Structures are given as C-alpha cells and as structure tokens.
Amino acid sequence: MSLSDFKSLEIEDKPVFDRFFQEDPPQISEMSFTNLFMWRRHYRPKWLEREGCLCILFEPKDARIYGLPPVGKGDKPGALAFLCEEIGKISEEIRMCRAGEEFVTAHVDQSIYTSLPDRNNSDYVYLTQDLINLSGNKYHRKKNHLNQFTKRYDFEYKALDDDLVERVLGMQETWCRMRECVLNPELLAEDFAVREALGFFNELSYQGGAILIDSQVEAFSLGEALNRDTAVIHIEKANPEIPGLYAAINQIFCKEAWSGFAYVNREQDMGVEGLRKAKESYYPHHMVNKYTVVPKEQVSSKQ
C-alpha cells in the first residue's frame, strides 16, 4: 500500500462518500461530499477504503500532508493507524486533523496518541429557531439590523435553481472585485470553491438561497444537511455596502431551508478575530470541539 493507491476526489465518487456518511453521520462540518469537493483544488483530498472505513488525506499545496478522522462502521482505530503509517512514509510530521471530540473519545487510544485542542477549527452550532426568531435581548441588535433592512429595501428571496446559478456567479465576481480576491490567497481559494459548488449544482446535494434587490443578486448562501438534526452552512456572502443584508440572508435562509432541523452548524472561525466576533455575536448553543491527533513519540521527540 502506498499513496499512489489513494484516489483523487472526483464528482463520480459521490455515491461512495454518501454511503459512508449515511451509515456514520458526521458531526464536524468538513465531513460532507459537497465541502470536500468544492475545496478540492485547495486541499487536494485523496481517499480509499480501508478497515471498513473511508480514509481521507489532505495534501495542500502550501502545507504538509495530513489525515482526516476515518468515517464508517468499520475499525476506526485500525484505519487511524493505517493513515498515520501512510503519512509517515512521506512526512516527518504525522497529523490527523479536524478530529471531533466524539471521535477522539471513542476511538483514539491516549496511550498511543496525543490529542491537541484545535480551537480555530472548532465548529459553531446554533439552535435553528434562535437564528430564525432572533428573540430576546441578546439578539436585539441583530433584530434591529434585520428590521432596518426589510423596511428600507424592496427585496425578493429565491431558492437557488438552474436559472439563478449564473446570477449568483455574477454576484460572486462582484464581491471578489470589491474584496480584491486576486491579492488574497485565502479569498482566491474560496472563490474557486464557490465556483466549483455552483458549477456542479445539479450533481451536489446542497441547497442555496439568494436575496435580490432590483432583480440583482446581492446576497447568497449555500448549505446542506450534515446529519439528521443538523444543517451546515458552507458559504454566506452579501454586499457589504447594504446595511443589514448579512443579517437578512442568515435569518431568511435558515427560515426557508432549515426550519426542520434542530441545529445549524456555521463552521469555524479559523482564528480570524473579526470572524470569531461575528460568530460569537449569534450566541452558539454549543461548539463541536476539534483536535489534532499526533503519535505520542512525535510529541516526545520535540520536547
């Protein structure tokens, strides 16, 4: 077995991933085919089946290779050991990243591995009804922003369909020009991810929604079911020059698409101060804590 046996992620692989995610519903936001696929240019995911599990490696262009927690009903500790062995063949640093607390508690042998908290990549999870109703004093400012927008603008909300995809792409181009994506590698990677998602709208299992003002898309959001009771929001964009628009797309998309789910996972803040402040301002119900799992001998050798 070698890395050459791992397969690069393609759209044709979706049924395999869907099968594993259905039998072992994920808790962390990374674990959906849509998310893995839309970010494939940036993270360059590779995969294979081993020990009855789906084993995934990320090989980013500007970072060392690392694994994701194995998915499936098979031997997860065995699959974890296999992934670590494969990574160790080509890298001095063996890492299993974005491992959720549930996985660490149930499948990581603490006599063999060390689990390091990864706050920057931990997911924010909210009660869906909190995001829809914005009730109580703690949401007073959000409700005001939303009300100001709805009173000031004559707008229309539309669920994403084939006809709307091209118009959303146009709004993404405008947003990128405003934010100068070409000068920011992270924004450029996100731009490609959005284009991948929209370009494969009919093949991927996500929903989208957009707010139009004067027939022009000014905000959009993309998300999907993560598990039976949780939806995950992958992308949310709005024209920053329109006050209250971010509050509006957040609230309306949750109401129209995700009211049947108990929770909404709005992914991580990546350690970005402004993003952390924004996510905390919606008062998460809980965090899905994530960890980086490394072999104990690797930690000892660095001390």
Protein backbone atom coordinates (compact mmCIF):
# COMPACT_ATOMS: atom_id res chain seq x y z
CA MET A 1 0.00 0.00 0.00
CA SER A 2 1.27 3.48 -0.88
CA LEU A 3 -0.07 6.96 -1.52
CA SER A 4 -0.34 6.03 -5.18
CA ASP A 5 -3.22 3.76 -4.16
CA PHE A 6 -5.20 6.76 -2.89
CA LYS A 7 -7.64 8.24 -5.37
CA SER A 8 -8.05 11.95 -6.10
CA LEU A 9 -11.58 13.15 -5.37
CA GLU A 10 -13.90 13.36 -8.38
CA ILE A 11 -17.62 14.01 -8.75
CA GLU A 12 -18.13 10.34 -9.65
CA ASP A 13 -17.07 9.40 -6.10
CA LYS A 14 -20.13 10.97 -4.51
CA PRO A 15 -22.15 7.74 -4.07
CA VAL A 16 -19.30 6.14 -2.10
CA PHE A 17 -18.97 9.14 0.23
CA ASP A 18 -22.74 9.44 0.63
CA ARG A 19 -22.93 5.79 1.66
CA PHE A 20 -20.29 6.21 4.37
CA PHE A 21 -21.78 9.47 5.66
CA GLN A 22 -25.25 7.90 5.82
CA GLU A 23 -24.08 4.91 7.83
CA ASP A 24 -21.86 7.05 10.08
CA PRO A 25 -23.48 10.54 10.22
CA PRO A 26 -20.81 13.25 10.71
CA GLN A 27 -20.71 15.90 13.41
CA ILE A 28 -17.88 18.05 12.00
CA SER A 29 -18.50 20.47 9.15
CA GLU A 30 -15.70 19.14 6.93
CA MET A 31 -17.36 15.76 6.51
CA SER A 32 -19.71 16.21 3.59
CA PHE A 33 -19.04 15.41 -0.03
CA THR A 34 -20.01 18.93 -1.08
CA ASN A 35 -17.50 20.50 1.29
CA LEU A 36 -14.69 18.13 0.32
CA PHE A 37 -15.43 18.53 -3.39
CA MET A 38 -15.77 22.30 -3.54
CA TRP A 39 -12.45 22.77 -1.69
CA ARG A 40 -10.61 20.05 -3.62
CA ARG A 41 -8.31 22.42 -5.50
CA HIS A 42 -7.10 23.94 -2.24
CA TYR A 43 -6.81 20.83 -0.04
CA ARG A 44 -6.27 18.23 -2.78
CA PRO A 45 -8.11 15.39 -1.00
CA LYS A 46 -7.25 11.76 -1.66
CA TRP A 47 -9.17 8.74 -0.42
CA LEU A 48 -9.54 4.99 -0.27
CA GLU A 49 -11.48 2.38 1.68
CA ARG A 50 -9.62 0.52 4.43
CA GLU A 51 -10.65 -1.39 7.55
CA GLY A 52 -14.29 -0.87 6.59
CA CYS A 53 -13.77 2.92 6.75
CA LEU A 54 -13.41 5.83 4.38
CA CYS A 55 -9.84 7.13 4.76
CA ILE A 56 -9.14 10.68 3.59
CA LEU A 57 -5.86 12.57 3.24
CA PHE A 58 -5.37 16.27 2.50
CA GLU A 59 -2.26 17.27 0.60
CA PRO A 60 -2.44 21.10 0.40
CA LYS A 61 -0.01 22.83 -1.94
CA ASP A 62 1.47 25.05 0.78
CA ALA A 63 1.28 22.72 3.80
CA ARG A 64 2.27 19.24 4.90
CA ILE A 65 0.01 16.29 4.26
CA TYR A 66 -2.45 15.30 6.99
CA GLY A 67 -5.37 12.96 7.52
CA LEU A 68 -9.00 13.41 8.48
CA PRO A 69 -10.73 11.14 11.00
CA PRO A 70 -11.82 7.88 9.35
CA VAL A 71 -15.54 7.53 8.61
CA GLY A 72 -17.64 4.38 8.70
CA LYS A 73 -18.81 1.47 10.79
CA GLY A 74 -15.53 -0.42 10.47
CA ASP A 75 -12.35 -0.50 12.57
CA LYS A 76 -11.66 3.20 13.13
CA PRO A 77 -8.60 2.71 15.39
CA GLY A 78 -7.18 0.41 12.72
CA ALA A 79 -7.94 2.93 9.98
CA LEU A 80 -6.34 5.69 12.08
CA ALA A 81 -3.18 3.61 12.50
CA PHE A 82 -3.15 2.91 8.75
CA LEU A 83 -3.43 6.60 7.86
CA CYS A 84 -0.66 7.54 10.28
CA GLU A 85 1.57 4.86 8.78
CA GLU A 86 0.93 6.12 5.25
CA ILE A 87 1.58 9.75 6.20
CA GLY A 88 4.79 8.71 7.98
CA LYS A 89 6.14 7.29 4.72
CA ILE A 90 6.43 10.73 3.15
CA SER A 91 6.38 13.22 6.04
CA GLU A 92 8.26 13.65 9.29
CA GLU A 93 5.12 15.13 10.82
CA ILE A 94 2.20 12.74 11.27
CA ARG A 95 -1.10 14.51 11.91
CA MET A 96 -4.78 13.63 11.99
CA CYS A 97 -6.56 17.00 11.88
CA ARG A 98 -10.16 18.16 12.45
CA ALA A 99 -10.93 15.17 14.69
CA GLY A 100 -14.16 15.77 16.57
CA GLU A 101 -14.41 15.21 20.31
CA GLU A 102 -16.74 12.27 19.76
CA PHE A 103 -14.16 10.53 17.56
CA VAL A 104 -11.30 11.27 19.97
CA THR A 105 -13.19 9.97 22.98
CA ALA A 106 -14.37 6.76 21.33
CA HIS A 107 -11.52 5.78 19.01
CA VAL A 108 -8.21 7.44 19.93
CA ASP A 109 -6.00 5.42 22.30
CA GLN A 110 -4.48 8.05 24.59
CA SER A 111 -1.57 5.71 25.38
CA ILE A 112 -0.54 5.87 21.71
CA TYR A 113 -1.65 9.34 20.61
CA THR A 114 -1.83 12.86 21.97
CA SER A 115 -4.93 14.92 21.14
CA LEU A 116 -4.23 18.65 20.88
CA PRO A 117 -7.20 21.09 21.04
CA ASP A 118 -7.81 23.00 17.81
CA ARG A 119 -9.97 25.95 18.81
CA ASN A 120 -9.56 27.77 15.50
CA ASN A 121 -11.21 24.94 13.57
CA SER A 122 -13.92 24.05 16.08
CA ASP A 123 -17.46 24.49 14.74
CA TYR A 124 -20.09 26.93 15.99
CA VAL A 125 -23.51 25.27 16.33
CA TYR A 126 -26.71 27.26 16.90
CA LEU A 127 -30.31 26.46 17.66
CA THR A 128 -32.08 26.94 14.35
CA GLN A 129 -35.04 28.68 15.96
CA ASP A 130 -32.68 31.19 17.62
CA LEU A 131 -31.34 32.17 14.20
CA ILE A 132 -34.86 32.39 12.76
CA ASN A 133 -36.68 34.20 15.58
CA LEU A 134 -33.85 36.36 16.97
CA SER A 135 -35.81 36.57 20.22
CA GLY A 136 -34.71 38.18 23.47
CA ASN A 137 -32.34 40.95 24.45
CA LYS A 138 -29.20 39.17 23.28
CA TYR A 139 -30.47 39.28 19.69
CA HIS A 140 -31.82 42.83 19.93
CA ARG A 141 -29.13 44.34 17.65
CA LYS A 142 -29.48 41.56 15.08
CA LYS A 143 -33.25 42.01 15.01
CA ASN A 144 -32.81 45.76 14.55
CA HIS A 145 -30.42 45.23 11.64
CA LEU A 146 -32.86 42.82 10.03
CA ASN A 147 -35.83 45.16 10.53
CA GLN A 148 -33.92 48.13 9.12
CA PHE A 149 -33.10 46.13 6.01
CA THR A 150 -36.62 44.82 5.45
CA LYS A 151 -38.16 48.29 5.90
CA ARG A 152 -35.66 50.08 3.71
CA TYR A 153 -35.37 47.71 0.75
CA ASP A 154 -37.86 46.14 -1.62
CA PHE A 155 -36.26 42.71 -1.94
CA GLU A 156 -37.04 39.18 -3.06
CA TYR A 157 -35.73 35.89 -1.67
CA LYS A 158 -35.33 32.97 -4.09
CA ALA A 159 -34.22 29.38 -3.59
CA LEU A 160 -31.27 28.50 -5.80
CA ASP A 161 -32.15 26.85 -9.10
CA ASP A 162 -30.51 26.47 -12.52
CA ASP A 163 -31.68 29.90 -13.68
CA LEU A 164 -30.31 31.62 -10.58
CA VAL A 165 -26.87 29.97 -10.57
CA GLU A 166 -25.45 32.27 -13.26
CA ARG A 167 -26.70 35.35 -11.46
CA VAL A 168 -25.16 34.17 -8.19
CA LEU A 169 -21.87 33.64 -10.03
CA GLY A 170 -22.11 37.25 -11.19
CA MET A 171 -22.58 38.44 -7.62
CA GLN A 172 -19.55 36.34 -6.54
CA GLU A 173 -17.45 38.06 -9.22
CA THR A 174 -18.56 41.47 -7.98
CA TRP A 175 -17.86 40.52 -4.35
CA CYS A 176 -14.37 39.35 -5.29
CA ARG A 177 -13.60 42.57 -7.12
CA MET A 178 -14.68 44.57 -4.06
CA ARG A 179 -12.54 42.41 -1.76
CA GLU A 180 -9.62 42.14 -4.24
CA CYS A 181 -9.56 38.35 -4.10
CA VAL A 182 -6.66 38.16 -6.54
CA LEU A 183 -4.41 39.69 -3.88
CA ASN A 184 -5.53 37.34 -1.10
CA PRO A 185 -4.74 33.60 -1.50
CA GLU A 186 -7.43 32.57 1.01
CA LEU A 187 -10.16 34.59 -0.71
CA LEU A 188 -8.97 33.32 -4.09
CA ALA A 189 -9.24 29.72 -2.84
CA GLU A 190 -12.73 30.44 -1.53
CA ASP A 191 -13.69 31.99 -4.86
CA PHE A 192 -12.73 28.79 -6.65
CA ALA A 193 -14.62 26.72 -4.05
CA VAL A 194 -17.79 28.76 -4.65
CA ARG A 195 -17.41 28.32 -8.40
CA GLU A 196 -16.94 24.57 -8.01
CA ALA A 197 -20.08 24.32 -5.89
CA LEU A 198 -22.18 26.40 -8.29
CA GLY A 199 -20.74 24.69 -11.36
CA PHE A 200 -21.87 21.30 -10.04
CA PHE A 201 -25.17 22.49 -8.59
CA ASN A 202 -27.17 19.63 -10.11
CA GLU A 203 -24.69 16.95 -9.06
CA LEU A 204 -24.12 18.04 -5.45
CA SER A 205 -26.61 17.67 -2.60
CA TYR A 206 -26.88 21.18 -1.21
CA GLN A 207 -29.44 23.96 -1.17
CA GLY A 208 -28.91 27.62 -1.80
CA GLY A 209 -30.81 30.84 -1.37
CA ALA A 210 -30.35 34.38 -2.63
CA ILE A 211 -31.67 37.86 -1.89
CA LEU A 212 -32.37 40.00 -4.92
CA ILE A 213 -32.81 43.78 -4.97
CA ASP A 214 -33.95 45.34 -8.25
CA SER A 215 -33.62 41.85 -9.80
CA GLN A 216 -29.93 41.71 -8.93
CA VAL A 217 -28.42 39.13 -6.55
CA GLU A 218 -26.97 40.98 -3.55
CA ALA A 219 -26.56 38.07 -1.11
CA PHE A 220 -26.48 34.29 -1.24
CA SER A 221 -25.89 31.31 1.00
CA LEU A 222 -25.16 27.61 0.38
CA GLY A 223 -25.75 24.79 2.86
CA GLU A 224 -26.84 21.19 3.27
CA ALA A 225 -27.92 18.56 5.78
CA LEU A 226 -24.91 17.40 7.79
CA ASN A 227 -26.77 14.76 9.79
CA ARG A 228 -30.33 14.01 10.87
CA ASP A 229 -30.74 17.06 13.13
CA THR A 230 -28.06 19.49 11.89
CA ALA A 231 -27.68 21.60 8.76
CA VAL A 232 -24.32 23.15 7.85
CA ILE A 233 -23.79 26.49 6.13
CA HIS A 234 -20.80 26.34 3.79
CA ILE A 235 -20.91 29.78 2.20
CA GLU A 236 -22.60 33.08 3.04
CA LYS A 237 -21.94 36.24 1.03
CA ALA A 238 -23.60 39.64 0.99
CA ASN A 239 -22.94 43.08 -0.46
CA PRO A 240 -21.18 44.81 2.48
CA GLU A 241 -22.46 48.20 1.34
CA ILE A 242 -26.09 47.24 2.10
CA PRO A 243 -26.79 47.58 5.86
CA GLY A 244 -28.46 44.58 7.46
CA LEU A 245 -28.04 42.34 4.42
CA TYR A 246 -25.87 39.76 6.20
CA ALA A 247 -28.44 39.54 9.00
CA ALA A 248 -31.17 39.10 6.39
CA ILE A 249 -29.58 36.28 4.37
CA ASN A 250 -28.68 34.48 7.60
CA GLN A 251 -32.21 34.65 9.01
CA ILE A 252 -34.17 34.07 5.81
CA PHE A 253 -32.06 31.15 4.55
CA CYS A 254 -32.43 29.39 7.91
CA LYS A 255 -36.18 30.01 7.88
CA GLU A 256 -36.76 28.91 4.30
CA ALA A 257 -34.35 25.97 4.08
CA TRP A 258 -33.52 24.67 7.55
CA SER A 259 -36.51 25.20 9.86
CA GLY A 260 -36.95 21.42 10.05
CA PHE A 261 -33.51 20.96 11.64
CA ALA A 262 -32.79 21.47 15.33
CA TYR A 263 -29.34 22.93 14.77
CA VAL A 264 -27.32 24.92 12.27
CA ASN A 265 -23.55 24.45 12.10
CA ARG A 266 -21.89 27.61 10.81
CA GLU A 267 -18.41 26.12 10.62
CA GLN A 268 -15.24 27.52 12.17
CA ASP A 269 -13.63 30.95 12.57
CA MET A 270 -10.11 29.83 11.54
CA GLY A 271 -8.64 32.07 14.21
CA VAL A 272 -9.70 35.24 12.36
CA GLU A 273 -10.61 37.79 15.01
CA GLY A 274 -13.39 39.50 13.06
CA LEU A 275 -14.93 36.19 12.05
CA ARG A 276 -14.78 34.91 15.62
CA LYS A 277 -16.52 38.04 16.87
CA ALA A 278 -19.23 37.70 14.23
CA LYS A 279 -19.90 34.04 15.02
CA GLU A 280 -19.93 34.64 18.77
CA SER A 281 -22.40 37.50 18.29
CA TYR A 282 -25.07 34.95 17.32
CA TYR A 283 -24.57 33.08 20.63
CA PRO A 284 -23.83 29.47 19.68
CA HIS A 285 -25.72 26.74 21.53
CA HIS A 286 -22.51 24.69 21.65
CA MET A 287 -19.19 24.14 19.93
CA VAL A 288 -18.12 20.99 18.14
CA ASN A 289 -14.62 20.84 19.57
CA LYS A 290 -11.92 19.52 17.27
CA TYR A 291 -8.46 18.15 17.89
CA THR A 292 -5.23 17.37 16.09
CA VAL A 293 -4.18 13.81 16.85
CA VAL A 294 -0.45 13.00 16.74
CA PRO A 295 1.60 9.97 17.85
CA LYS A 296 2.97 10.36 21.38
CA GLU A 297 6.55 9.62 20.30
CA GLN A 298 6.34 12.54 17.85
CA VAL A 299 5.45 14.91 20.72
CA SER A 300 8.19 13.45 22.95
CA SER A 301 10.85 13.87 20.27
CA LYS A 302 10.10 17.62 20.06
CA GLN A 303 10.37 18.25 23.79
